Amino acid sequence: MIDTLYIEAAVAGHSRTAAIRARFPRARVVECARYGEVFNPRAQNFRLQKQRPALILAEKYRKFALPAPAGYGIGGTRNYYFSHMLNCLYDCRYCFLQGMYQSANYVLFVNFEDFQREIDQICAETPNEAVYFFSGYDCDSLALEPITGFAEQFLPFFETLPNAWLELRTKSTQIRSLLTRRPWPRCVVAFSLAPDAVAEQVEAKAPSLAKRLEAAAKLQQQGWPIGLRFDPLIYQHDYRKQYRALFQQVFATLDAETLHSVSLGTFRLPEAYYKKMHKLYPDERLFASPLQTSAGLVSYRADLEQSMIADCSEMLRQYLDEAQLFRCMP
């Protein structure tokens, strides 16, 4: 799976680095001073690298947890995101990461303890107020769990914080580390879902809808709080029919009453990212959708976006209470 490991000199002796090296004994190992030497240079071929990405093991020095963008949340007022990795195992055509980064290689920050120290400090600032932390903003939270051990390491830590909530955002079926421990009621395992016809076109390498629902059902049956993320909603001429069928399939598999939250958001990208992605994939039909640019953001026309949100919200209210439903604002 991994042919090349780039390792920063600063983390060469870290125990997590040693464990990952042991998983890939045949991988070529290249030492570097800072991961940016490999990750940041221009003129890299993202599309080619995506076929066989390297893994870069690095140390993060600051900004371990950042305030979440406005409109990004599930009911709390103090919202933060943090990224133990940069880039994703999957190859979703709408993903902003391919517009943000020069490289398709994975970066894993192995110094988990420094993330935990800053998260602890943030929680201590308002001990009587819930603080929500979102993982999976710059990566998939669980897709590389067998390699990173991220959930295995962070869940015990979060359990020590009485006012912390954690969201694990994923399309993955790598849930073994969760199934082997007792459920924690303030960890929301949030699955990103799309209709089969959409997923087959624009979610390359990701597990099928059926497999994601199977994973979510196993966790829900064990007692884990489950979130559903219909974000981004992707326009097709028969989107109402497709999303109606999707919701029927989802709620035939999962118990709506015990879901933690469900969120909706439409396709949107910063204009600079969109231009880069369009250049990478000039024949991608997704980018020929009825899009407009406003305030530096590329999204569907306002009337279409409002119709998609309204239609899907109405369908979801057949299964959910209003308090469970959230809109992801740009």
Foldseek 3Di string as FASTA:
>chain_A
DAQAEEEAPVCCPPPLNVLLCVVCVNHHYHYDNACCVPWADAPDQAVVCLVHAHEYEHADDDCQKAFDPPLPDQPFDAEIEGEQKAAENWFFLLDLSLLVTRHRHMYGHLPVVVSLVVVLVVCVVCVPGAHEYEYAPRYQQQAPCVSRVRCVPVVVSQVVRPRYAYEGEHLALRCVSVLVDQADARYEDEYEDFFQVSCVQGTGPGDGRVSSLVSQLSNVVRPHAYEYEPPAQADDPPSLVRLLVVVVVNVVRDQQVRHQAYEYHHRKYFQSSLVSSCVSPVPRVSNVAQWDDDPRMIGHPPVVRVVVVVSNVVSCVVRHDPSRYGYRDD
